PDB file of N, CA and C in Angstrom:
ATOM      1  N   UNK A   1       0.373 -15.720   1.588  1.00  0.00           N
ATOM      2  CA  UNK A   1      -0.295 -14.921   2.956  1.00  0.00           C
ATOM      3  C   UNK A   1      -1.365 -13.713   1.632  1.00  0.00           C
ATOM      4  N   UNK A   2      -2.583 -14.033   1.365  1.00  0.00           N
ATOM      5  CA  UNK A   2      -2.818 -12.270   0.975  1.00  0.00           C
ATOM      6  C   UNK A   2      -3.032 -11.492   1.414  1.00  0.00           C
ATOM      7  N   UNK A   3      -3.364 -10.112   1.208  1.00  0.00           N
ATOM      8  CA  UNK A   3      -3.816  -9.443   1.679  1.00  0.00           C
ATOM      9  C   UNK A   3      -4.835  -8.573   1.881  1.00  0.00           C
ATOM     10  N   UNK A   4      -5.039  -7.932   3.249  1.00  0.00           N
ATOM     11  CA  UNK A   4      -6.844  -7.583   3.742  1.00  0.00           C
ATOM     12  C   UNK A   4      -7.342  -7.391   2.487  1.00  0.00           C
ATOM     13  N   UNK A   5      -6.390  -6.551   1.446  1.00  0.00           N
ATOM     14  CA  UNK A   5      -7.157  -5.341   0.334  1.00  0.00           C
ATOM     15  C   UNK A   5      -7.509  -6.928  -0.831  1.00  0.00           C
ATOM     16  N   UNK A   6      -6.728  -7.115  -0.984  1.00  0.00           N
ATOM     17  CA  UNK A   6      -6.733  -8.304  -2.004  1.00  0.00           C
ATOM     18  C   UNK A   6      -8.806  -9.716  -2.135  1.00  0.00           C
ATOM     19  N   UNK A   7      -8.585  -9.696  -0.257  1.00  0.00           N
ATOM     20  CA  UNK A   7      -9.122 -10.882   0.116  1.00  0.00           C
ATOM     21  C   UNK A   7     -11.250  -9.812   0.552  1.00  0.00           C
ATOM     22  N   UNK A   8     -10.533  -8.716   0.342  1.00  0.00           N
ATOM     23  CA  UNK A   8     -11.643  -7.340   0.720  1.00  0.00           C
ATOM     24  C   UNK A   8     -12.449  -7.175  -0.653  1.00  0.00           C
ATOM     25  N   UNK A   9     -11.190  -7.064  -1.958  1.00  0.00           N
ATOM     26  CA  UNK A   9     -12.167  -6.804  -3.334  1.00  0.00           C
ATOM     27  C   UNK A   9     -12.393  -8.032  -4.381  1.00  0.00           C
ATOM     28  N   UNK A  10     -11.712  -9.190  -3.709  1.00  0.00           N
ATOM     29  CA  UNK A  10     -12.552 -10.802  -3.992  1.00  0.00           C
ATOM     30  C   UNK A  10     -13.491 -10.968  -3.820  1.00  0.00           C
ATOM     31  N   UNK A  11     -13.720 -10.510  -2.658  1.00  0.00           N
ATOM     32  CA  UNK A  11     -14.613 -10.739  -1.868  1.00  0.00           C
ATOM     33  C   UNK A  11     -15.965 -10.332  -2.546  1.00  0.00           C
ATOM     34  N   UNK A  12     -15.786  -8.839  -2.319  1.00  0.00           N
ATOM     35  CA  UNK A  12     -16.556  -7.955  -2.619  1.00  0.00           C
ATOM     36  C   UNK A  12     -16.772  -7.753  -4.201  1.00  0.00           C
ATOM     37  N   UNK A  13     -16.679  -8.524  -4.783  1.00  0.00           N
ATOM     38  CA  UNK A  13     -16.367  -7.991  -6.523  1.00  0.00           C
ATOM     39  C   UNK A  13     -17.266 -10.035  -6.893  1.00  0.00           C
ATOM     40  N   UNK A  14     -17.813 -10.665  -6.059  1.00  0.00           N
ATOM     41  CA  UNK A  14     -18.074 -11.858  -5.867  1.00  0.00           C
ATOM     42  C   UNK A  14     -19.050 -11.870  -5.285  1.00  0.00           C
ATOM     43  N   UNK A  15     -19.532 -10.927  -4.236  1.00  0.00           N
ATOM     44  CA  UNK A  15     -20.925 -10.219  -3.862  1.00  0.00           C
ATOM     45  C   UNK A  15     -21.526  -9.731  -4.972  1.00  0.00           C
ATOM     46  N   UNK A  16     -20.982  -8.902  -5.802  1.00  0.00           N
ATOM     47  CA  UNK A  16     -21.884  -8.212  -6.711  1.00  0.00           C
ATOM     48  C   UNK A  16     -22.065  -8.634  -7.954  1.00  0.00           C
ATOM     49  N   UNK A  17     -20.991 -10.232  -8.467  1.00  0.00           N
ATOM     50  CA  UNK A  17     -21.266 -10.988  -9.483  1.00  0.00           C
ATOM     51  C   UNK A  17     -20.531 -10.472 -10.583  1.00  0.00           C
ATOM     52  N   UNK A  18     -19.653 -10.042  -9.776  1.00  0.00           N
ATOM     53  CA  UNK A  18     -18.797  -8.958 -10.873  1.00  0.00           C
ATOM     54  C   UNK A  18     -17.520 -10.641 -11.083  1.00  0.00           C
ATOM     55  N   UNK A  19     -17.662 -10.272 -12.693  1.00  0.00           N
ATOM     56  CA  UNK A  19     -16.263 -10.637 -13.876  1.00  0.00           C
ATOM     57  C   UNK A  19     -15.102  -9.958 -13.175  1.00  0.00           C
ATOM     58  N   UNK A  20     -13.517 -10.783 -13.152  1.00  0.00           N
ATOM     59  CA  UNK A  20     -12.260  -9.759 -13.156  1.00  0.00           C
ATOM     60  C   UNK A  20     -12.064  -8.281 -14.312  1.00  0.00           C
ATOM     61  N   UNK A  21     -13.165  -9.009 -15.153  1.00  0.00           N
ATOM     62  CA  UNK A  21     -12.825  -8.315 -17.118  1.00  0.00           C
ATOM     63  C   UNK A  21     -14.354  -7.324 -16.140  1.00  0.00           C
ATOM     64  N   UNK A  22     -14.919  -7.260 -15.254  1.00  0.00           N
ATOM     65  CA  UNK A  22     -15.506  -6.049 -15.514  1.00  0.00           C
ATOM     66  C   UNK A  22     -15.461  -5.472 -14.138  1.00  0.00           C
ATOM     67  N   UNK A  23     -14.919  -5.728 -13.424  1.00  0.00           N
ATOM     68  CA  UNK A  23     -14.144  -4.933 -12.527  1.00  0.00           C
ATOM     69  C   UNK A  23     -13.687  -3.541 -13.369  1.00  0.00           C
ATOM     70  N   UNK A  24     -12.502  -4.647 -13.840  1.00  0.00           N
ATOM     71  CA  UNK A  24     -11.411  -3.838 -14.186  1.00  0.00           C
ATOM     72  C   UNK A  24     -11.829  -2.563 -15.475  1.00  0.00           C
ATOM     73  N   UNK A  25     -13.124  -2.599 -15.688  1.00  0.00           N
ATOM     74  CA  UNK A  25     -13.839  -2.465 -17.615  1.00  0.00           C
ATOM     75  C   UNK A  25     -14.589  -1.121 -16.192  1.00  0.00           C
ATOM     76  N   UNK A  26     -15.354  -0.984 -15.607  1.00  0.00           N
ATOM     77  CA  UNK A  26     -16.141  -0.250 -14.013  1.00  0.00           C
ATOM     78  C   UNK A  26     -15.139   0.655 -13.710  1.00  0.00           C
ATOM     79  N   UNK A  27     -14.156  -0.219 -13.261  1.00  0.00           N
ATOM     80  CA  UNK A  27     -12.906   0.616 -12.678  1.00  0.00           C
ATOM     81  C   UNK A  27     -11.722   1.707 -13.114  1.00  0.00           C
ATOM     82  N   UNK A  28     -12.169   0.905 -14.504  1.00  0.00           N
ATOM     83  CA  UNK A  28     -11.102   2.248 -15.362  1.00  0.00           C
ATOM     84  C   UNK A  28      -9.718   1.715 -15.046  1.00  0.00           C
ATOM     85  N   UNK A  29      -9.484   0.659 -15.110  1.00  0.00           N
ATOM     86  CA  UNK A  29      -8.131  -0.003 -14.576  1.00  0.00           C
ATOM     87  C   UNK A  29      -8.071  -0.905 -15.968  1.00  0.00           C
ATOM     88  N   UNK A  30      -6.754  -1.716 -15.394  1.00  0.00           N
ATOM     89  CA  UNK A  30      -6.183  -3.070 -16.340  1.00  0.00           C
ATOM     90  C   UNK A  30      -7.105  -4.361 -15.814  1.00  0.00           C
ATOM     91  N   UNK A  31      -7.622  -5.114 -16.738  1.00  0.00           N
ATOM     92  CA  UNK A  31      -7.399  -6.021 -16.179  1.00  0.00           C
ATOM     93  C   UNK A  31      -6.065  -6.992 -15.061  1.00  0.00           C
ATOM     94  N   UNK A  32      -5.104  -6.785 -16.117  1.00  0.00           N
ATOM     95  CA  UNK A  32      -3.900  -7.491 -15.402  1.00  0.00           C
ATOM     96  C   UNK A  32      -3.792  -7.030 -13.849  1.00  0.00           C
ATOM     97  N   UNK A  33      -4.463  -5.271 -13.511  1.00  0.00           N
ATOM     98  CA  UNK A  33      -3.770  -4.952 -12.662  1.00  0.00           C
ATOM     99  C   UNK A  33      -4.530  -4.889 -11.920  1.00  0.00           C
ATOM    100  N   UNK A  34      -6.215  -5.882 -11.488  1.00  0.00           N
ATOM    101  CA  UNK A  34      -7.055  -6.532 -10.957  1.00  0.00           C
ATOM    102  C   UNK A  34      -6.609  -7.871 -10.662  1.00  0.00           C
ATOM    103  N   UNK A  35      -6.146  -8.708 -11.359  1.00  0.00           N
ATOM    104  CA  UNK A  35      -5.544  -9.483 -11.096  1.00  0.00           C
ATOM    105  C   UNK A  35      -4.908  -9.986  -9.925  1.00  0.00           C
ATOM    106  N   UNK A  36      -3.627  -9.093  -9.673  1.00  0.00           N
ATOM    107  CA  UNK A  36      -2.255  -8.903  -9.448  1.00  0.00           C
ATOM    108  C   UNK A  36      -3.170  -8.255  -7.710  1.00  0.00           C
ATOM    109  N   UNK A  37      -4.497  -7.337  -8.243  1.00  0.00           N
ATOM    110  CA  UNK A  37      -4.992  -6.874  -6.588  1.00  0.00           C
ATOM    111  C   UNK A  37      -5.372  -8.022  -6.262  1.00  0.00           C
ATOM    112  N   UNK A  38      -5.927  -8.654  -6.656  1.00  0.00           N
ATOM    113  CA  UNK A  38      -6.929 -10.498  -6.055  1.00  0.00           C
ATOM    114  C   UNK A  38      -5.927 -10.942  -5.534  1.00  0.00           C
ATOM    115  N   UNK A  39      -4.658 -10.850  -6.307  1.00  0.00           N
ATOM    116  CA  UNK A  39      -3.475 -11.712  -5.813  1.00  0.00           C
ATOM    117  C   UNK A  39      -2.469 -11.516  -4.104  1.00  0.00           C
ATOM    118  N   UNK A  40      -3.431 -10.107  -4.580  1.00  0.00           N
ATOM    119  CA  UNK A  40      -2.273  -9.923  -3.233  1.00  0.00           C
ATOM    120  C   UNK A  40      -0.587  -9.524  -3.226  1.00  0.00           C
ATOM    121  N   UNK A  41      -0.324  -8.465  -4.795  1.00  0.00           N
ATOM    122  CA  UNK A  41       0.966  -8.541  -5.452  1.00  0.00           C
ATOM    123  C   UNK A  41       1.291  -7.095  -4.423  1.00  0.00           C
ATOM    124  N   UNK A  42       3.204  -7.544  -3.774  1.00  0.00           N
ATOM    125  CA  UNK A  42       3.008  -6.385  -2.614  1.00  0.00           C
ATOM    126  C   UNK A  42       3.008  -4.856  -2.955  1.00  0.00           C
ATOM    127  N   UNK A  43       3.926  -4.627  -4.441  1.00  0.00           N
ATOM    128  CA  UNK A  43       3.576  -3.360  -5.307  1.00  0.00           C
ATOM    129  C   UNK A  43       2.751  -3.743  -6.140  1.00  0.00           C
ATOM    130  N   UNK A  44       2.246  -2.376  -5.631  1.00  0.00           N
ATOM    131  CA  UNK A  44       0.627  -1.937  -6.363  1.00  0.00           C
ATOM    132  C   UNK A  44       0.355  -0.075  -6.035  1.00  0.00           C
ATOM    133  N   UNK A  45       0.036   0.299  -7.619  1.00  0.00           N
ATOM    134  CA  UNK A  45      -0.060   1.973  -7.320  1.00  0.00           C
ATOM    135  C   UNK A  45      -1.103   2.135  -6.676  1.00  0.00           C
ATOM    136  N   UNK A  46      -1.255   3.298  -6.302  1.00  0.00           N
ATOM    137  CA  UNK A  46      -1.871   3.819  -4.760  1.00  0.00           C
ATOM    138  C   UNK A  46      -2.805   3.934  -5.439  1.00  0.00           C
ATOM    139  N   UNK A  47      -3.082   4.828  -6.304  1.00  0.00           N
ATOM    140  CA  UNK A  47      -3.922   5.349  -7.209  1.00  0.00           C
ATOM    141  C   UNK A  47      -5.008   4.743  -7.545  1.00  0.00           C
ATOM    142  N   UNK A  48      -4.312   3.398  -8.385  1.00  0.00           N
ATOM    143  CA  UNK A  48      -5.256   2.723  -9.236  1.00  0.00           C
ATOM    144  C   UNK A  48      -6.187   1.794  -7.729  1.00  0.00           C
ATOM    145  N   UNK A  49      -5.247   1.336  -7.554  1.00  0.00           N
ATOM    146  CA  UNK A  49      -6.288   0.685  -6.239  1.00  0.00           C
ATOM    147  C   UNK A  49      -7.315   1.544  -5.506  1.00  0.00           C
ATOM    148  N   UNK A  50      -7.213   2.628  -5.524  1.00  0.00           N
ATOM    149  CA  UNK A  50      -8.490   3.466  -5.354  1.00  0.00           C
ATOM    150  C   UNK A  50      -9.580   3.453  -5.727  1.00  0.00           C
ATOM    151  N   UNK A  51      -9.249   3.765  -7.439  1.00  0.00           N
ATOM    152  CA  UNK A  51      -9.982   3.320  -8.048  1.00  0.00           C
ATOM    153  C   UNK A  51     -10.999   2.023  -8.040  1.00  0.00           C
ATOM    154  N   UNK A  52     -10.309   0.968  -8.257  1.00  0.00           N
ATOM    155  CA  UNK A  52     -11.281  -0.275  -7.897  1.00  0.00           C
ATOM    156  C   UNK A  52     -12.276  -0.549  -6.490  1.00  0.00           C
ATOM    157  N   UNK A  53     -11.098   0.727  -5.044  1.00  0.00           N
ATOM    158  CA  UNK A  53     -12.165   0.993  -4.172  1.00  0.00           C
ATOM    159  C   UNK A  53     -13.745   1.331  -3.921  1.00  0.00           C
ATOM    160  N   UNK A  54     -13.077   2.316  -5.142  1.00  0.00           N
ATOM    161  CA  UNK A  54     -14.286   3.418  -5.491  1.00  0.00           C
ATOM    162  C   UNK A  54     -14.540   2.598  -5.032  1.00  0.00           C
ATOM    163  N   UNK A  55     -15.601   1.801  -6.320  1.00  0.00           N
ATOM    164  CA  UNK A  55     -16.526   1.058  -6.586  1.00  0.00           C
ATOM    165  C   UNK A  55     -17.225   0.581  -5.277  1.00  0.00           C
ATOM    166  N   UNK A  56     -16.892   0.279  -4.591  1.00  0.00           N
ATOM    167  CA  UNK A  56     -17.084  -0.088  -2.910  1.00  0.00           C
ATOM    168  C   UNK A  56     -18.027   0.760  -2.186  1.00  0.00           C
ATOM    169  N   UNK A  57     -17.436   1.577  -2.295  1.00  0.00           N
ATOM    170  CA  UNK A  57     -16.797   3.322  -1.225  1.00  0.00           C
ATOM    171  C   UNK A  57     -16.345   2.547  -0.068  1.00  0.00           C
ATOM    172  N   UNK A  58     -14.673   2.379  -0.777  1.00  0.00           N
ATOM    173  CA  UNK A  58     -14.026   2.714   0.767  1.00  0.00           C
ATOM    174  C   UNK A  58     -12.073   2.909  -0.440  1.00  0.00           C
ATOM    175  N   UNK A  59     -10.965   3.411   0.042  1.00  0.00           N
ATOM    176  CA  UNK A  59     -10.536   3.728   0.037  1.00  0.00           C
ATOM    177  C   UNK A  59      -9.248   3.045   1.197  1.00  0.00           C
ATOM    178  N   UNK A  60      -8.164   3.356  -0.156  1.00  0.00           N
ATOM    179  CA  UNK A  60      -6.607   3.278   0.813  1.00  0.00           C
ATOM    180  C   UNK A  60      -6.171   4.445   1.166  1.00  0.00           C
ATOM    181  N   UNK A  61      -5.146   4.649   2.247  1.00  0.00           N
ATOM    182  CA  UNK A  61      -4.392   5.852   2.682  1.00  0.00           C
ATOM    183  C   UNK A  61      -3.313   5.121   4.130  1.00  0.00           C
ATOM    184  N   UNK A  62      -2.636   6.278   4.321  1.00  0.00           N
ATOM    185  CA  UNK A  62      -2.368   5.874   5.775  1.00  0.00           C
ATOM    186  C   UNK A  62      -2.257   5.904   6.645  1.00  0.00           C
ATOM    187  N   UNK A  63      -1.859   4.870   7.301  1.00  0.00           N
ATOM    188  CA  UNK A  63      -2.246   4.780   8.895  1.00  0.00           C
ATOM    189  C   UNK A  63      -0.824   5.398  10.312  1.00  0.00           C
ATOM    190  N   UNK A  64      -1.373   6.381  10.444  1.00  0.00           N
ATOM    191  CA  UNK A  64      -0.943   6.935  11.788  1.00  0.00           C
ATOM    192  C   UNK A  64      -0.951   5.390  12.755  1.00  0.00           C
ATOM    193  N   UNK A  65       0.241   5.366  13.157  1.00  0.00           N
ATOM    194  CA  UNK A  65       1.744   4.117  13.898  1.00  0.00           C
ATOM    195  C   UNK A  65       1.360   4.774  15.662  1.00  0.00           C
ATOM    196  N   UNK A  66       1.160   4.431  16.652  1.00  0.00           N
ATOM    197  CA  UNK A  66       2.141   4.990  17.285  1.00  0.00           C
ATOM    198  C   UNK A  66       3.289   5.111  17.962  1.00  0.00           C
ATOM    199  N   UNK A  67       3.940   4.603  17.977  1.00  0.00           N
ATOM    200  CA  UNK A  67       5.348   4.761  18.234  1.00  0.00           C
ATOM    201  C   UNK A  67       5.803   4.899  19.314  1.00  0.00           C
ATOM    202  N   UNK A  68       6.244   3.662  20.086  1.00  0.00           N
ATOM    203  CA  UNK A  68       6.622   3.873  21.853  1.00  0.00           C
ATOM    204  C   UNK A  68       8.140   4.033  21.766  1.00  0.00           C
ATOM    205  N   UNK A  69       8.152   5.263  22.650  1.00  0.00           N
ATOM    206  CA  UNK A  69      10.155   5.650  22.986  1.00  0.00           C
ATOM    207  C   UNK A  69      10.401   5.029  24.070  1.00  0.00           C
ATOM    208  N   UNK A  70      10.407   3.803  24.516  1.00  0.00           N
ATOM    209  CA  UNK A  70      10.867   3.259  25.695  1.00  0.00           C
ATOM    210  C   UNK A  70      12.600   2.622  25.460  1.00  0.00           C
TER     211      UNK A  70
END
């Protein structure tokens, strides 16, 4: 199952009519990273993911979860 980030990046890239090569060049990351990101690789560098997401006005980061102590 692909991650939400993978699906988001792929959809945004296609909507802007960019190839994976274009996206890699514009965001300053390698083509391999873009491919792995879109394939939903489980372990990716957060800084590089944010370089790609920055092109779409987005970023990823930690989210606080509410923990139940029942």
